[in-house]
Amino acid sequence: MTAQLPTPTTTTRNRGIIAGAAAVIAGGALVGGLMFGLGGTGTTPSSAADNVPAPAPDTHSIVIHDDTNHSVTPAPTPKPQPQPSSAVSTLQEELGQLNYYNGSIDGVMGPQTTAAITYLQRDAGLPQTGVMNTATNAALMNDLAHGNNQMAG
């Protein structure tokens, strides 16, 4: 029994089939990548300044398998709540002793606490910023030690 060697025609035909199959697979991968968003935009940035990411859109479009576009609006990010502070609680208590503050002692620098600081600054002849600073703290300590005209009312 003699072994048959492949003929040049058979080898060429097999290579053609393999090359064709490879081309079909590569083309399918390219089309699949484009369909699922894996392809690029086709542009190359011309400089580093052009390579700045775009801001996030207010809405997002999603392509569902049936090629229908649906707009989705992301849920709003909750505003972070201020954390209570023992220093602010002490300040609220002290301002309350002088009748500048009558809100709850919650340790949060809210609008009532800011307003109380502003009233203290007004009565002490200081700039009314609503922010505790060295001069405002000195006026507060002085009023706590010696009283103020707010306690009479």
N, C-alpha and C. Protein backbone atom coordinates (compact mmCIF):
# COMPACT_ATOMS: atom_id res chain seq x y z
N MET A 1 0.84 -1.16 0.00
CA MET A 1 0.00 0.00 0.00
C MET A 1 0.89 1.23 0.00
N THR A 2 0.59 2.17 -0.83
CA THR A 2 1.40 3.37 -0.94
C THR A 2 0.59 4.56 -0.43
N ALA A 3 1.28 5.48 0.22
CA ALA A 3 0.61 6.68 0.76
C ALA A 3 0.50 7.70 -0.33
N GLN A 4 -0.66 8.36 -0.33
CA GLN A 4 -0.86 9.41 -1.33
C GLN A 4 -0.46 10.74 -0.72
N LEU A 5 0.34 11.45 -1.41
CA LEU A 5 0.71 12.80 -1.00
C LEU A 5 -0.31 13.76 -1.57
N PRO A 6 -0.58 14.85 -0.81
CA PRO A 6 -1.53 15.82 -1.34
C PRO A 6 -1.00 16.44 -2.62
N THR A 7 -1.88 16.63 -3.53
CA THR A 7 -1.50 17.24 -4.80
C THR A 7 -1.46 18.75 -4.62
N PRO A 8 -0.74 19.46 -5.45
CA PRO A 8 -0.70 20.92 -5.34
C PRO A 8 -2.09 21.55 -5.44
N THR A 9 -2.98 20.98 -6.20
CA THR A 9 -4.33 21.52 -6.33
C THR A 9 -5.07 21.41 -5.00
N THR A 10 -4.95 20.28 -4.31
CA THR A 10 -5.62 20.06 -3.02
C THR A 10 -5.08 21.03 -1.97
N THR A 11 -3.78 21.20 -1.91
CA THR A 11 -3.16 22.10 -0.94
C THR A 11 -3.61 23.54 -1.19
N THR A 12 -3.61 23.98 -2.42
CA THR A 12 -4.03 25.34 -2.76
C THR A 12 -5.49 25.54 -2.39
N ARG A 13 -6.34 24.54 -2.68
CA ARG A 13 -7.76 24.65 -2.37
C ARG A 13 -7.96 24.71 -0.86
N ASN A 14 -7.23 23.90 -0.07
CA ASN A 14 -7.35 23.93 1.38
C ASN A 14 -6.91 25.28 1.95
N ARG A 15 -5.83 25.82 1.40
CA ARG A 15 -5.37 27.14 1.85
C ARG A 15 -6.42 28.20 1.53
N GLY A 16 -7.06 28.10 0.42
CA GLY A 16 -8.10 29.06 0.04
C GLY A 16 -9.30 28.98 0.97
N ILE A 17 -9.66 27.76 1.35
CA ILE A 17 -10.78 27.58 2.28
C ILE A 17 -10.43 28.15 3.65
N ILE A 18 -9.24 27.90 4.11
CA ILE A 18 -8.80 28.41 5.42
C ILE A 18 -8.74 29.93 5.39
N ALA A 19 -8.18 30.51 4.33
CA ALA A 19 -8.10 31.97 4.22
C ALA A 19 -9.50 32.57 4.16
N GLY A 20 -10.42 31.95 3.44
CA GLY A 20 -11.78 32.46 3.35
C GLY A 20 -12.48 32.40 4.69
N ALA A 21 -12.29 31.29 5.41
CA ALA A 21 -12.90 31.15 6.73
C ALA A 21 -12.34 32.20 7.69
N ALA A 22 -11.04 32.43 7.62
CA ALA A 22 -10.42 33.45 8.48
C ALA A 22 -10.98 34.83 8.16
N ALA A 23 -11.19 35.12 6.88
CA ALA A 23 -11.74 36.42 6.49
C ALA A 23 -13.17 36.57 7.00
N VAL A 24 -13.96 35.52 6.92
CA VAL A 24 -15.34 35.57 7.42
C VAL A 24 -15.35 35.78 8.92
N ILE A 25 -14.49 35.09 9.65
CA ILE A 25 -14.42 35.24 11.12
C ILE A 25 -13.99 36.67 11.48
N ALA A 26 -12.96 37.18 10.80
CA ALA A 26 -12.48 38.54 11.08
C ALA A 26 -13.56 39.57 10.77
N GLY A 27 -14.24 39.39 9.65
CA GLY A 27 -15.32 40.31 9.29
C GLY A 27 -16.46 40.25 10.29
N GLY A 28 -16.79 39.05 10.75
CA GLY A 28 -17.84 38.91 11.76
C GLY A 28 -17.45 39.57 13.06
N ALA A 29 -16.19 39.43 13.44
CA ALA A 29 -15.72 40.07 14.68
C ALA A 29 -15.78 41.59 14.56
N LEU A 30 -15.43 42.12 13.41
CA LEU A 30 -15.49 43.57 13.18
C LEU A 30 -16.92 44.07 13.25
N VAL A 31 -17.82 43.40 12.57
CA VAL A 31 -19.23 43.79 12.59
C VAL A 31 -19.79 43.66 14.00
N GLY A 32 -19.47 42.57 14.67
CA GLY A 32 -19.94 42.38 16.05
C GLY A 32 -19.41 43.46 16.97
N GLY A 33 -18.16 43.81 16.81
CA GLY A 33 -17.58 44.88 17.63
C GLY A 33 -18.26 46.21 17.40
N LEU A 34 -18.55 46.52 16.16
CA LEU A 34 -19.24 47.77 15.86
C LEU A 34 -20.66 47.77 16.40
N MET A 35 -21.34 46.64 16.31
CA MET A 35 -22.71 46.55 16.80
C MET A 35 -22.77 46.71 18.31
N PHE A 36 -21.78 46.22 19.01
CA PHE A 36 -21.80 46.27 20.47
C PHE A 36 -20.95 47.42 21.02
N GLY A 37 -20.59 48.37 20.18
CA GLY A 37 -19.91 49.56 20.65
C GLY A 37 -18.45 49.37 20.98
N LEU A 38 -17.82 48.35 20.44
CA LEU A 38 -16.41 48.14 20.73
C LEU A 38 -15.51 48.85 19.74
N GLY A 39 -16.07 49.37 18.67
CA GLY A 39 -15.27 50.08 17.69
C GLY A 39 -15.02 51.50 18.14
N GLY A 40 -13.97 52.11 17.64
CA GLY A 40 -13.64 53.49 17.99
C GLY A 40 -14.46 54.46 17.16
N THR A 41 -14.16 55.75 17.33
CA THR A 41 -14.88 56.78 16.59
C THR A 41 -14.30 56.97 15.20
N GLY A 42 -13.13 56.43 14.97
CA GLY A 42 -12.51 56.56 13.66
C GLY A 42 -11.67 57.81 13.54
N THR A 43 -11.56 58.61 14.60
CA THR A 43 -10.75 59.82 14.56
C THR A 43 -9.61 59.67 15.54
N THR A 44 -8.53 60.32 15.22
CA THR A 44 -7.37 60.32 16.09
C THR A 44 -7.18 61.73 16.58
N PRO A 45 -7.00 61.94 17.90
CA PRO A 45 -6.81 63.30 18.38
C PRO A 45 -5.55 63.90 17.78
N SER A 46 -5.64 65.20 17.44
CA SER A 46 -4.50 65.85 16.81
C SER A 46 -3.49 66.36 17.82
N SER A 47 -3.91 66.54 19.07
CA SER A 47 -2.97 66.98 20.09
C SER A 47 -3.47 66.50 21.44
N ALA A 48 -2.64 66.70 22.47
CA ALA A 48 -3.03 66.29 23.83
C ALA A 48 -4.23 67.09 24.30
N ALA A 49 -4.37 68.35 23.86
CA ALA A 49 -5.51 69.18 24.27
C ALA A 49 -6.82 68.64 23.72
N ASP A 50 -6.77 67.96 22.58
CA ASP A 50 -7.99 67.39 22.00
C ASP A 50 -8.41 66.12 22.71
N ASN A 51 -7.53 65.57 23.55
CA ASN A 51 -7.80 64.30 24.20
C ASN A 51 -8.46 64.50 25.57
N VAL A 52 -9.28 65.56 25.72
CA VAL A 52 -9.99 65.85 26.95
C VAL A 52 -11.33 65.13 26.90
N PRO A 53 -11.69 64.38 27.95
CA PRO A 53 -12.98 63.68 27.91
C PRO A 53 -14.14 64.67 27.92
N ALA A 54 -15.19 64.32 27.21
CA ALA A 54 -16.37 65.16 27.16
C ALA A 54 -17.12 65.06 28.47
N PRO A 55 -17.85 66.14 28.86
CA PRO A 55 -18.63 66.06 30.10
C PRO A 55 -19.74 65.04 29.96
N ALA A 56 -20.15 64.47 31.09
CA ALA A 56 -21.20 63.46 31.09
C ALA A 56 -22.52 64.08 30.65
N PRO A 57 -23.25 63.41 29.77
CA PRO A 57 -24.53 63.96 29.32
C PRO A 57 -25.58 63.86 30.41
N ASP A 58 -26.64 64.69 30.28
CA ASP A 58 -27.73 64.65 31.24
C ASP A 58 -28.58 63.40 31.05
N THR A 59 -28.64 62.89 29.84
CA THR A 59 -29.39 61.66 29.59
C THR A 59 -28.48 60.70 28.84
N HIS A 60 -28.82 59.44 28.89
CA HIS A 60 -28.05 58.41 28.21
C HIS A 60 -28.96 57.68 27.25
N SER A 61 -28.45 57.34 26.07
CA SER A 61 -29.21 56.53 25.13
C SER A 61 -28.72 55.10 25.21
N ILE A 62 -29.66 54.19 25.21
CA ILE A 62 -29.33 52.78 25.29
C ILE A 62 -29.94 52.10 24.08
N VAL A 63 -29.14 51.26 23.40
CA VAL A 63 -29.66 50.51 22.26
C VAL A 63 -30.03 49.13 22.75
N ILE A 64 -31.30 48.79 22.64
CA ILE A 64 -31.80 47.48 23.04
C ILE A 64 -31.62 46.55 21.85
N HIS A 65 -31.65 45.26 22.07
CA HIS A 65 -31.41 44.28 21.02
C HIS A 65 -32.32 44.45 19.82
N ASP A 66 -33.47 45.14 19.95
CA ASP A 66 -34.35 45.34 18.81
C ASP A 66 -34.04 46.65 18.07
N ASP A 67 -32.87 47.25 18.37
CA ASP A 67 -32.38 48.48 17.73
C ASP A 67 -33.26 49.69 18.00
N THR A 68 -34.01 49.70 19.08
CA THR A 68 -34.82 50.86 19.45
C THR A 68 -34.03 51.69 20.44
N ASN A 69 -34.05 52.99 20.28
CA ASN A 69 -33.37 53.88 21.22
C ASN A 69 -34.30 54.24 22.36
N HIS A 70 -33.79 54.19 23.56
CA HIS A 70 -34.53 54.56 24.75
C HIS A 70 -33.67 55.55 25.53
N SER A 71 -34.26 56.69 25.95
CA SER A 71 -33.52 57.65 26.76
C SER A 71 -33.70 57.32 28.22
N VAL A 72 -32.61 57.40 28.95
CA VAL A 72 -32.62 57.13 30.37
C VAL A 72 -32.00 58.33 31.07
N THR A 73 -32.71 58.89 32.03
CA THR A 73 -32.18 60.00 32.82
C THR A 73 -31.66 59.44 34.13
N PRO A 74 -30.38 59.69 34.44
CA PRO A 74 -29.84 59.14 35.68
C PRO A 74 -30.52 59.77 36.89
N ALA A 75 -30.61 59.02 37.97
CA ALA A 75 -31.19 59.54 39.20
C ALA A 75 -30.30 60.65 39.74
N PRO A 76 -30.91 61.71 40.30
CA PRO A 76 -30.09 62.80 40.83
C PRO A 76 -29.24 62.31 42.00
N THR A 77 -28.06 62.84 42.08
CA THR A 77 -27.15 62.50 43.17
C THR A 77 -27.63 63.22 44.42
N PRO A 78 -27.87 62.49 45.51
CA PRO A 78 -28.35 63.17 46.71
C PRO A 78 -27.30 64.13 47.25
N LYS A 79 -27.77 65.27 47.74
CA LYS A 79 -26.89 66.27 48.31
C LYS A 79 -26.35 65.75 49.64
N PRO A 80 -25.03 65.80 49.84
CA PRO A 80 -24.50 65.28 51.10
C PRO A 80 -25.01 66.12 52.28
N GLN A 81 -25.41 65.43 53.33
CA GLN A 81 -25.90 66.11 54.53
C GLN A 81 -24.72 66.52 55.39
N PRO A 82 -24.78 67.75 55.95
CA PRO A 82 -23.68 68.17 56.83
C PRO A 82 -23.64 67.30 58.08
N GLN A 83 -22.44 67.02 58.52
CA GLN A 83 -22.25 66.19 59.70
C GLN A 83 -22.31 67.07 60.95
N PRO A 84 -23.00 66.62 61.98
CA PRO A 84 -23.04 67.38 63.24
C PRO A 84 -21.65 67.50 63.85
N SER A 85 -21.45 68.61 64.54
CA SER A 85 -20.17 68.89 65.17
C SER A 85 -20.41 69.32 66.61
N SER A 86 -19.58 68.83 67.53
CA SER A 86 -19.73 69.23 68.92
C SER A 86 -19.39 70.71 69.10
N ALA A 87 -18.48 71.23 68.30
CA ALA A 87 -18.14 72.66 68.38
C ALA A 87 -19.33 73.51 67.97
N VAL A 88 -20.07 73.09 66.94
CA VAL A 88 -21.25 73.84 66.51
C VAL A 88 -22.35 73.72 67.56
N SER A 89 -22.49 72.54 68.17
CA SER A 89 -23.48 72.38 69.25
C SER A 89 -23.18 73.34 70.39
N THR A 90 -21.93 73.44 70.79
CA THR A 90 -21.53 74.36 71.85
C THR A 90 -21.83 75.80 71.44
N LEU A 91 -21.51 76.15 70.20
CA LEU A 91 -21.79 77.50 69.69
C LEU A 91 -23.29 77.79 69.74
N GLN A 92 -24.12 76.82 69.32
CA GLN A 92 -25.57 77.01 69.34
C GLN A 92 -26.06 77.22 70.77
N GLU A 93 -25.52 76.47 71.72
CA GLU A 93 -25.91 76.64 73.12
C GLU A 93 -25.53 78.03 73.63
N GLU A 94 -24.32 78.47 73.29
CA GLU A 94 -23.86 79.78 73.76
C GLU A 94 -24.67 80.91 73.12
N LEU A 95 -24.94 80.79 71.82
CA LEU A 95 -25.77 81.81 71.16
C LEU A 95 -27.19 81.79 71.73
N GLY A 96 -27.67 80.62 72.12
CA GLY A 96 -28.98 80.50 72.74
C GLY A 96 -29.02 81.17 74.11
N GLN A 97 -27.94 81.08 74.88
CA GLN A 97 -27.86 81.74 76.20
C GLN A 97 -27.99 83.25 76.05
N LEU A 98 -27.54 83.76 74.92
CA LEU A 98 -27.60 85.20 74.67
C LEU A 98 -28.84 85.60 73.87
N ASN A 99 -29.76 84.67 73.67
CA ASN A 99 -31.01 84.88 72.93
C ASN A 99 -30.81 85.24 71.46
N TYR A 100 -29.70 84.81 70.88
CA TYR A 100 -29.49 84.98 69.44
C TYR A 100 -30.00 83.76 68.67
N TYR A 101 -29.98 82.63 69.32
CA TYR A 101 -30.34 81.36 68.66
C TYR A 101 -31.42 80.68 69.46
N ASN A 102 -32.52 80.27 68.78
CA ASN A 102 -33.57 79.54 69.48
C ASN A 102 -33.96 78.26 68.75
N GLY A 103 -33.11 77.77 67.86
CA GLY A 103 -33.38 76.52 67.16
C GLY A 103 -32.94 75.33 67.98
N SER A 104 -33.04 74.16 67.38
CA SER A 104 -32.61 72.94 68.07
C SER A 104 -31.08 72.86 68.09
N ILE A 105 -30.56 72.28 69.15
CA ILE A 105 -29.11 72.10 69.28
C ILE A 105 -28.78 70.80 68.55
N ASP A 106 -28.46 70.93 67.26
CA ASP A 106 -28.23 69.75 66.43
C ASP A 106 -26.79 69.62 65.95
N GLY A 107 -25.96 70.62 66.23
CA GLY A 107 -24.56 70.55 65.83
C GLY A 107 -24.31 70.79 64.36
N VAL A 108 -25.35 71.27 63.63
CA VAL A 108 -25.21 71.52 62.20
C VAL A 108 -25.24 73.02 61.95
N MET A 109 -24.27 73.50 61.20
CA MET A 109 -24.19 74.92 60.87
C MET A 109 -25.21 75.21 59.77
N GLY A 110 -26.45 75.43 60.18
CA GLY A 110 -27.53 75.70 59.24
C GLY A 110 -27.85 77.18 59.18
N PRO A 111 -28.94 77.53 58.48
CA PRO A 111 -29.30 78.94 58.31
C PRO A 111 -29.62 79.66 59.62
N GLN A 112 -30.22 78.97 60.60
CA GLN A 112 -30.53 79.63 61.87
C GLN A 112 -29.26 79.96 62.65
N THR A 113 -28.29 79.06 62.62
CA THR A 113 -27.02 79.30 63.30
C THR A 113 -26.27 80.44 62.63
N THR A 114 -26.26 80.45 61.30
CA THR A 114 -25.59 81.53 60.56
C THR A 114 -26.24 82.87 60.85
N ALA A 115 -27.59 82.89 60.91
CA ALA A 115 -28.30 84.14 61.21
C ALA A 115 -27.97 84.62 62.62
N ALA A 116 -27.89 83.68 63.57
CA ALA A 116 -27.56 84.06 64.95
C ALA A 116 -26.17 84.69 65.02
N ILE A 117 -25.22 84.12 64.28
CA ILE A 117 -23.86 84.69 64.24
C ILE A 117 -23.91 86.09 63.65
N THR A 118 -24.71 86.28 62.60
CA THR A 118 -24.83 87.59 61.95
C THR A 118 -25.39 88.62 62.93
N TYR A 119 -26.41 88.24 63.72
CA TYR A 119 -26.98 89.17 64.71
C TYR A 119 -25.96 89.53 65.78
N LEU A 120 -25.19 88.55 66.24
CA LEU A 120 -24.14 88.82 67.21
C LEU A 120 -23.13 89.80 66.62
N GLN A 121 -22.73 89.57 65.36
CA GLN A 121 -21.77 90.46 64.71
C GLN A 121 -22.34 91.87 64.57
N ARG A 122 -23.62 91.99 64.23
CA ARG A 122 -24.26 93.30 64.09
C ARG A 122 -24.21 94.05 65.42
N ASP A 123 -24.61 93.38 66.50
CA ASP A 123 -24.65 94.03 67.80
C ASP A 123 -23.25 94.37 68.32
N ALA A 124 -22.25 93.61 67.90
CA ALA A 124 -20.87 93.87 68.34
C ALA A 124 -20.17 94.88 67.43
N GLY A 125 -20.85 95.37 66.40
CA GLY A 125 -20.24 96.33 65.48
C GLY A 125 -19.21 95.70 64.54
N LEU A 126 -19.37 94.42 64.26
CA LEU A 126 -18.43 93.71 63.39
C LEU A 126 -19.04 93.54 62.00
N PRO A 127 -18.20 93.27 60.99
CA PRO A 127 -18.75 92.95 59.66
C PRO A 127 -19.67 91.74 59.77
N GLN A 128 -20.85 91.82 59.15
CA GLN A 128 -21.87 90.77 59.27
C GLN A 128 -21.67 89.73 58.17
N THR A 129 -20.80 88.77 58.46
CA THR A 129 -20.48 87.72 57.49
C THR A 129 -21.22 86.42 57.79
N GLY A 130 -21.67 86.23 59.01
CA GLY A 130 -22.31 84.97 59.39
C GLY A 130 -21.32 83.84 59.62
N VAL A 131 -20.05 84.17 59.65
CA VAL A 131 -18.98 83.18 59.83
C VAL A 131 -18.23 83.50 61.12
N MET A 132 -18.02 82.47 61.92
CA MET A 132 -17.25 82.67 63.15
C MET A 132 -15.78 82.91 62.79
N ASN A 133 -15.25 83.98 63.38
CA ASN A 133 -13.83 84.29 63.23
C ASN A 133 -13.32 84.73 64.59
N THR A 134 -12.11 85.17 64.67
CA THR A 134 -11.51 85.52 65.95
C THR A 134 -12.26 86.67 66.62
N ALA A 135 -12.58 87.71 65.86
CA ALA A 135 -13.27 88.87 66.43
C ALA A 135 -14.68 88.50 66.90
N THR A 136 -15.38 87.68 66.13
CA THR A 136 -16.73 87.26 66.51
C THR A 136 -16.68 86.38 67.75
N ASN A 137 -15.70 85.50 67.83
CA ASN A 137 -15.55 84.65 69.01
C ASN A 137 -15.24 85.50 70.25
N ALA A 138 -14.40 86.53 70.11
CA ALA A 138 -14.09 87.42 71.24
C ALA A 138 -15.35 88.14 71.70
N ALA A 139 -16.18 88.60 70.76
CA ALA A 139 -17.44 89.27 71.12
C ALA A 139 -18.37 88.30 71.84
N LEU A 140 -18.44 87.06 71.38
CA LEU A 140 -19.27 86.05 72.01
C LEU A 140 -18.80 85.78 73.43
N MET A 141 -17.51 85.60 73.62
CA MET A 141 -16.97 85.33 74.96
C MET A 141 -17.20 86.52 75.89
N ASN A 142 -17.05 87.73 75.35
CA ASN A 142 -17.30 88.95 76.15
C ASN A 142 -18.76 89.01 76.58
N ASP A 143 -19.68 88.76 75.67
CA ASP A 143 -21.11 88.82 76.00
C ASP A 143 -21.48 87.71 76.99
N LEU A 144 -20.89 86.53 76.84
CA LEU A 144 -21.17 85.45 77.79
C LEU A 144 -20.66 85.81 79.18
N ALA A 145 -19.51 86.48 79.26
CA ALA A 145 -18.91 86.83 80.56
C ALA A 145 -19.62 88.02 81.21
N HIS A 146 -20.03 88.99 80.37
CA HIS A 146 -20.56 90.24 80.92
C HIS A 146 -22.04 90.45 80.61
N GLY A 147 -22.63 89.58 79.83
CA GLY A 147 -24.04 89.78 79.44
C GLY A 147 -24.11 90.75 78.27
N ASN A 148 -25.28 90.84 77.68
CA ASN A 148 -25.50 91.79 76.60
C ASN A 148 -26.92 92.32 76.71
N ASN A 149 -27.26 93.28 75.87
CA ASN A 149 -28.60 93.87 75.94
C ASN A 149 -29.67 92.93 75.43
N GLN A 150 -29.32 91.81 74.78
CA GLN A 150 -30.30 90.86 74.29
C GLN A 150 -30.97 90.12 75.45
N MET A 151 -30.26 89.99 76.58
CA MET A 151 -30.80 89.23 77.70
C MET A 151 -31.92 89.99 78.39
N ALA A 152 -31.97 91.30 78.22
CA ALA A 152 -33.02 92.10 78.85
C ALA A 152 -34.34 91.95 78.14
N GLY A 153 -34.29 91.58 76.85
CA GLY A 153 -35.52 91.52 76.05
C GLY A 153 -36.16 90.23 76.19
